[in-house]
């Protein structure tokens, strides 16, 4: 990989994670609308924006995904999962739970590890087991000390983890899959927009800037996804895995410093274990990458 390609990949990946990290400010800006209506607009205008981009590029591959029964099932399932994930996320941010949301995205890679262990029978290294144990301890501390189950954090982590698992089985680019998923979820978006009927009337009194902000949901959703797709193509998986923790870190800072959400002292212990698990997990990725490189070099020498 050339230095320029690596630099471009880092720029795209970092940009995507930073945009995802500051998105709570955008959803908070839209808090004049109910979370269900925001979710409806996100589904519908993501479909409109991404579908337009794909059709202008004469790309109809995403529409053909519905012709294959197996792929159609995967698309519908991923559409339902991303709708659930977006719904929890938007509701959480607009009800003052951005920090809890960030915890979910810290835990998400570890949920992916667990799913890989269960579904694909993947083997975990010693460090990854330690990272998983630390994350579990963090969740238990929050549950025990706060007296409430962290359903927002785990709901986001589990829904996005399973979503990633489904997308792994669906061979399509980021924009193609988003177009197909939002098309599958469009009936839900329309239903959320129309019902209840009395709530629909609230949209009629919105100002043009408010409508512009709502309509921008599609572009705001697609841009970081496109940047992430470009970065993922140009970077090693270990680098992408390390950089992904930028998103929840920025979200945490947005929640604490900008949105001024409370952060009880007990959370320092819980987040301490979560952050430790992130560091351990990142170290395991770097060690795994180094081991693969050394094995490749050894293989090249033996074949020479």
Protein backbone atom coordinates (compact mmCIF):
# COMPACT_ATOMS: atom_id res chain seq x y z
CA UNK A 1 0.00 0.00 0.00
CA UNK A 2 1.40 3.42 -0.99
CA UNK A 3 1.85 6.24 1.50
CA UNK A 4 -0.64 8.41 -0.41
CA UNK A 5 -3.31 5.69 -0.37
CA UNK A 6 -2.79 5.11 3.35
CA UNK A 7 -3.01 8.86 4.04
CA UNK A 8 -6.19 9.17 1.98
CA UNK A 9 -7.66 6.17 3.79
CA UNK A 10 -6.88 7.65 7.22
CA UNK A 11 -8.38 11.01 6.17
CA UNK A 12 -11.62 9.37 4.96
CA UNK A 13 -11.96 7.07 7.97
CA UNK A 14 -11.17 9.78 10.54
CA UNK A 15 -13.57 12.19 8.81
CA UNK A 16 -16.37 9.63 8.90
CA UNK A 17 -15.89 8.87 12.60
CA UNK A 18 -15.67 12.56 13.51
CA UNK A 19 -18.89 13.27 11.59
CA UNK A 20 -20.64 10.36 13.31
CA UNK A 21 -19.28 11.63 16.63
CA UNK A 22 -20.78 15.13 16.27
CA UNK A 23 -24.10 13.89 14.84
CA UNK A 24 -25.78 14.13 18.28
CA UNK A 25 -25.66 17.92 17.84
CA UNK A 26 -27.57 17.60 14.57
CA UNK A 27 -30.26 15.34 16.04
CA UNK A 28 -30.51 17.66 19.04
CA UNK A 29 -31.03 20.54 16.61
CA UNK A 30 -34.08 18.68 15.29
CA UNK A 31 -35.59 18.16 18.75
CA UNK A 32 -38.49 20.47 17.79
CA UNK A 33 -39.85 17.36 16.00
CA UNK A 34 -40.76 14.09 17.74
CA UNK A 35 -38.07 11.35 17.57
CA UNK A 36 -40.42 9.11 15.55
CA UNK A 37 -40.85 11.80 12.91
CA UNK A 38 -37.09 12.40 12.80
CA UNK A 39 -36.63 8.65 12.26
CA UNK A 40 -39.24 8.72 9.48
CA UNK A 41 -37.48 11.60 7.72
CA UNK A 42 -34.11 9.87 8.10
CA UNK A 43 -35.40 6.71 6.43
CA UNK A 44 -37.31 8.45 3.63
CA UNK A 45 -34.74 11.08 2.70
CA UNK A 46 -31.81 8.66 3.02
CA UNK A 47 -33.63 6.55 0.43
CA UNK A 48 -34.30 9.61 -1.73
CA UNK A 49 -30.73 10.96 -1.56
CA UNK A 50 -28.86 7.65 -1.90
CA UNK A 51 -31.27 6.34 -4.52
CA UNK A 52 -30.79 9.51 -6.58
CA UNK A 53 -26.99 9.26 -6.36
CA UNK A 54 -27.06 5.60 -7.41
CA UNK A 55 -29.51 6.12 -10.25
CA UNK A 56 -27.58 9.13 -11.59
CA UNK A 57 -24.53 6.86 -11.59
CA UNK A 58 -26.62 4.29 -13.54
CA UNK A 59 -26.21 1.83 -10.68
CA UNK A 60 -29.18 -0.53 -10.43
CA UNK A 61 -27.37 -3.35 -8.61
CA UNK A 62 -29.02 -2.36 -5.32
CA UNK A 63 -32.48 -2.87 -6.82
CA UNK A 64 -31.54 -6.33 -8.08
CA UNK A 65 -30.80 -7.39 -4.50
CA UNK A 66 -34.56 -7.82 -4.08
CA UNK A 67 -34.71 -10.35 -6.94
CA UNK A 68 -32.74 -12.98 -5.01
CA UNK A 69 -34.90 -14.46 -2.18
CA UNK A 70 -31.91 -14.94 0.16
CA UNK A 71 -30.54 -11.44 -0.43
CA UNK A 72 -34.03 -9.96 -0.17
CA UNK A 73 -34.42 -11.53 3.27
CA UNK A 74 -31.04 -10.14 4.34
CA UNK A 75 -31.92 -6.66 3.03
CA UNK A 76 -35.24 -6.61 4.88
CA UNK A 77 -33.59 -7.84 8.08
CA UNK A 78 -30.80 -5.24 7.86
CA UNK A 79 -33.41 -2.56 7.14
CA UNK A 80 -35.31 -3.50 10.31
CA UNK A 81 -32.11 -3.57 12.37
CA UNK A 82 -30.83 -0.20 11.20
CA UNK A 83 -34.29 1.30 11.79
CA UNK A 84 -34.22 -0.03 15.36
CA UNK A 85 -30.68 1.28 15.86
CA UNK A 86 -31.49 4.73 14.46
CA UNK A 87 -34.67 4.90 16.52
CA UNK A 88 -32.92 4.12 19.82
CA UNK A 89 -30.10 6.53 18.98
CA UNK A 90 -32.31 9.49 18.02
CA UNK A 91 -34.58 9.00 21.03
CA UNK A 92 -31.60 8.69 23.38
CA UNK A 93 -29.84 11.84 22.15
CA UNK A 94 -32.99 13.95 22.21
CA UNK A 95 -33.77 12.79 25.74
CA UNK A 96 -30.35 13.56 27.20
CA UNK A 97 -28.67 10.15 26.91
CA UNK A 98 -25.79 10.89 24.52
CA UNK A 99 -23.19 9.57 26.98
CA UNK A 100 -25.10 6.29 27.34
CA UNK A 101 -25.22 6.11 23.54
CA UNK A 102 -21.45 6.54 23.35
CA UNK A 103 -21.06 3.61 25.74
CA UNK A 104 -23.03 1.47 23.28
CA UNK A 105 -20.60 2.24 20.47
CA UNK A 106 -17.64 1.49 22.74
CA UNK A 107 -19.17 -1.92 23.47
CA UNK A 108 -20.17 -2.62 19.85
CA UNK A 109 -16.82 -4.09 18.67
CA UNK A 110 -16.89 -6.48 21.61
CA UNK A 111 -20.42 -7.56 20.68
CA UNK A 112 -19.07 -8.23 17.19
CA UNK A 113 -16.37 -10.41 18.73
CA UNK A 114 -19.01 -12.36 20.66
CA UNK A 115 -21.14 -12.83 17.53
CA UNK A 116 -18.09 -14.04 15.62
CA UNK A 117 -17.43 -16.51 18.40
CA UNK A 118 -20.99 -17.83 18.37
CA UNK A 119 -21.89 -17.68 14.66
CA UNK A 120 -18.59 -18.21 12.86
CA UNK A 121 -16.87 -20.26 15.60
CA UNK A 122 -13.98 -17.78 15.58
CA UNK A 123 -11.29 -18.16 18.20
CA UNK A 124 -10.43 -15.33 20.56
CA UNK A 125 -6.95 -14.43 21.68
CA UNK A 126 -6.13 -14.07 25.36
CA UNK A 127 -6.17 -10.27 25.17
CA UNK A 128 -9.57 -10.27 23.46
CA UNK A 129 -11.01 -12.43 26.24
CA UNK A 130 -9.61 -9.97 28.80
CA UNK A 131 -11.09 -7.04 26.84
CA UNK A 132 -14.49 -8.74 26.73
CA UNK A 133 -14.35 -9.44 30.48
CA UNK A 134 -13.50 -5.79 31.26
CA UNK A 135 -16.40 -4.55 29.12
CA UNK A 136 -18.77 -6.96 30.88
CA UNK A 137 -17.57 -5.67 34.25
CA UNK A 138 -18.23 -2.10 33.15
CA UNK A 139 -21.81 -2.95 32.15
CA UNK A 140 -22.40 -4.81 35.42
CA UNK A 141 -21.09 -1.85 37.45
CA UNK A 142 -23.47 0.57 35.72
CA UNK A 143 -26.38 -1.84 36.25
CA UNK A 144 -25.63 -2.48 39.92
CA UNK A 145 -24.69 1.06 40.97
CA UNK A 146 -27.40 2.90 39.04
CA UNK A 147 -30.08 0.28 39.69
CA UNK A 148 -31.19 0.39 36.06
CA UNK A 149 -30.33 -1.89 33.15
CA UNK A 150 -28.32 0.00 30.46
CA UNK A 151 -30.80 -0.83 27.72
CA UNK A 152 -29.83 2.15 25.55
CA UNK A 153 -26.14 1.19 25.44
CA UNK A 154 -26.77 -2.52 24.94
CA UNK A 155 -29.67 -1.90 22.53
CA UNK A 156 -27.40 0.18 20.29
CA UNK A 157 -24.47 -2.24 20.58
CA UNK A 158 -26.48 -5.40 19.94
CA UNK A 159 -28.63 -4.00 17.11
CA UNK A 160 -25.60 -2.57 15.30
CA UNK A 161 -23.55 -5.71 15.96
CA UNK A 162 -26.20 -7.97 14.41
CA UNK A 163 -26.66 -5.41 11.60
CA UNK A 164 -22.94 -5.71 10.81
CA UNK A 165 -23.24 -9.49 10.84
CA UNK A 166 -26.12 -9.40 8.34
CA UNK A 167 -24.28 -6.94 6.07
CA UNK A 168 -21.25 -9.24 6.07
CA UNK A 169 -23.43 -11.86 4.38
CA UNK A 170 -24.81 -9.27 1.93
CA UNK A 171 -22.21 -8.49 -0.72
CA UNK A 172 -22.91 -4.86 -1.66
CA UNK A 173 -21.17 -1.51 -1.37
CA UNK A 174 -22.03 0.86 1.49
CA UNK A 175 -24.29 3.10 -0.62
CA UNK A 176 -25.93 0.16 -2.42
CA UNK A 177 -26.80 -1.56 0.84
CA UNK A 178 -28.05 1.69 2.41
CA UNK A 179 -30.27 2.30 -0.63
CA UNK A 180 -31.72 -1.22 -0.46
CA UNK A 181 -32.14 -1.14 3.33
CA UNK A 182 -33.95 2.19 3.36
CA UNK A 183 -36.17 1.01 0.49
CA UNK A 184 -37.09 -2.03 2.59
CA UNK A 185 -37.68 0.22 5.63
CA UNK A 186 -39.62 2.86 3.66
CA UNK A 187 -43.07 1.47 4.67
CA UNK A 188 -42.06 1.90 8.32
CA UNK A 189 -40.89 5.45 7.60
CA UNK A 190 -44.17 6.35 5.87
CA UNK A 191 -46.21 4.80 8.69
CA UNK A 192 -44.23 6.73 11.32
CA UNK A 193 -44.73 9.94 9.36
CA UNK A 194 -48.50 9.53 8.96
CA UNK A 195 -49.55 8.05 12.30
CA UNK A 196 -50.78 9.38 14.60
CA UNK A 197 -52.60 11.78 12.30
CA UNK A 198 -52.82 14.61 14.84
CA UNK A 199 -49.00 14.65 15.14
CA UNK A 200 -48.64 15.08 11.37
CA UNK A 201 -50.29 18.48 11.67
CA UNK A 202 -47.38 19.69 13.78
CA UNK A 203 -45.13 19.53 10.72
CA UNK A 204 -47.29 21.98 8.82
CA UNK A 205 -46.20 24.93 10.94
CA UNK A 206 -42.46 24.41 10.51
CA UNK A 207 -40.33 27.18 9.06
CA UNK A 208 -38.33 26.74 5.79
CA UNK A 209 -35.00 26.38 7.71
CA UNK A 210 -36.58 23.67 9.87
CA UNK A 211 -37.76 21.81 6.77
CA UNK A 212 -34.30 22.17 5.22
CA UNK A 213 -32.75 20.64 8.34
CA UNK A 214 -35.16 17.71 8.22
CA UNK A 215 -34.69 17.10 4.50
CA UNK A 216 -30.90 17.09 5.01
CA UNK A 217 -31.22 13.83 6.99
CA UNK A 218 -30.42 11.85 3.86
CA UNK A 219 -27.19 13.65 3.06
CA UNK A 220 -26.12 13.71 6.72
CA UNK A 221 -26.63 9.94 6.87
CA UNK A 222 -24.94 9.07 3.57
CA UNK A 223 -21.84 11.32 3.67
CA UNK A 224 -20.03 9.72 6.64
CA UNK A 225 -21.05 6.26 5.39
CA UNK A 226 -19.48 7.01 1.99
CA UNK A 227 -16.29 8.31 3.63
CA UNK A 228 -16.13 5.23 5.83
CA UNK A 229 -16.52 2.94 2.80
CA UNK A 230 -13.63 4.71 1.04
CA UNK A 231 -11.43 4.53 4.13
CA UNK A 232 -12.19 0.85 4.73
CA UNK A 233 -11.10 0.03 1.16
CA UNK A 234 -7.70 1.72 1.61
CA UNK A 235 -6.79 0.73 5.18
CA UNK A 236 -5.92 -2.52 6.96
CA UNK A 237 -8.73 -3.89 9.14
CA UNK A 238 -6.63 -3.37 12.27
CA UNK A 239 -6.27 0.35 11.52
CA UNK A 240 -10.01 0.71 10.90
CA UNK A 241 -10.71 -1.17 14.14
CA UNK A 242 -8.49 1.19 16.10
CA UNK A 243 -9.87 4.37 14.52
CA UNK A 244 -13.51 3.38 15.13
CA UNK A 245 -13.20 4.34 18.80
CA UNK A 246 -12.98 7.98 17.70
CA UNK A 247 -16.77 8.03 17.21
CA UNK A 248 -17.88 7.15 20.76
CA UNK A 249 -15.08 9.29 22.21
CA UNK A 250 -16.29 12.36 20.32
CA UNK A 251 -19.90 11.47 21.24
CA UNK A 252 -18.91 11.26 24.90
CA UNK A 253 -17.23 14.67 24.73
CA UNK A 254 -20.25 16.17 22.95
CA UNK A 255 -22.57 14.82 25.63
CA UNK A 256 -20.44 15.95 28.55
CA UNK A 257 -18.93 19.25 27.38
CA UNK A 258 -21.43 20.62 24.84
CA UNK A 259 -24.80 19.16 25.84
CA UNK A 260 -23.86 19.29 29.56
CA UNK A 261 -25.30 15.88 30.37
CA UNK A 262 -24.74 14.65 33.95
CA UNK A 263 -21.98 12.13 34.59
CA UNK A 264 -22.27 10.65 38.12
CA UNK A 265 -19.04 9.70 39.90
CA UNK A 266 -20.04 6.00 39.79
CA UNK A 267 -19.82 6.11 36.01
CA UNK A 268 -16.07 6.76 36.16
CA UNK A 269 -15.54 3.21 37.46
CA UNK A 270 -17.79 1.70 34.79
CA UNK A 271 -16.35 3.75 31.93
CA UNK A 272 -12.87 3.04 33.31
CA UNK A 273 -13.40 -0.67 32.67
CA UNK A 274 -14.90 0.07 29.23
CA UNK A 275 -11.98 2.31 28.24
CA UNK A 276 -9.53 -0.31 29.52
CA UNK A 277 -11.28 -2.92 27.38
CA UNK A 278 -10.96 -0.59 24.35
CA UNK A 279 -7.22 -0.20 24.92
CA UNK A 280 -6.72 -3.94 25.39
CA UNK A 281 -8.80 -4.71 22.30
CA UNK A 282 -6.79 -2.21 20.23
CA UNK A 283 -3.53 -3.78 21.42
CA UNK A 284 -4.86 -7.21 20.42
CA UNK A 285 -5.61 -5.88 16.92
CA UNK A 286 -2.10 -4.49 16.54
CA UNK A 287 -0.54 -7.73 17.79
CA UNK A 288 -2.74 -9.73 15.42
CA UNK A 289 -1.71 -7.54 12.49
CA UNK A 290 1.98 -7.84 13.40
CA UNK A 291 1.64 -11.64 13.64
CA UNK A 292 -0.01 -11.86 10.21
CA UNK A 293 2.76 -9.75 8.66
CA UNK A 294 5.49 -11.91 10.20
CA UNK A 295 3.72 -15.06 8.94
CA UNK A 296 3.50 -13.59 5.43
CA UNK A 297 7.22 -12.72 5.47
CA UNK A 298 8.07 -16.22 6.71
CA UNK A 299 5.92 -17.71 3.96
CA UNK A 300 7.61 -15.58 1.29
CA UNK A 301 11.06 -16.66 2.52
CA UNK A 302 10.13 -20.33 2.54
CA UNK A 303 8.81 -20.11 -1.04
CA UNK A 304 11.88 -18.25 -2.29
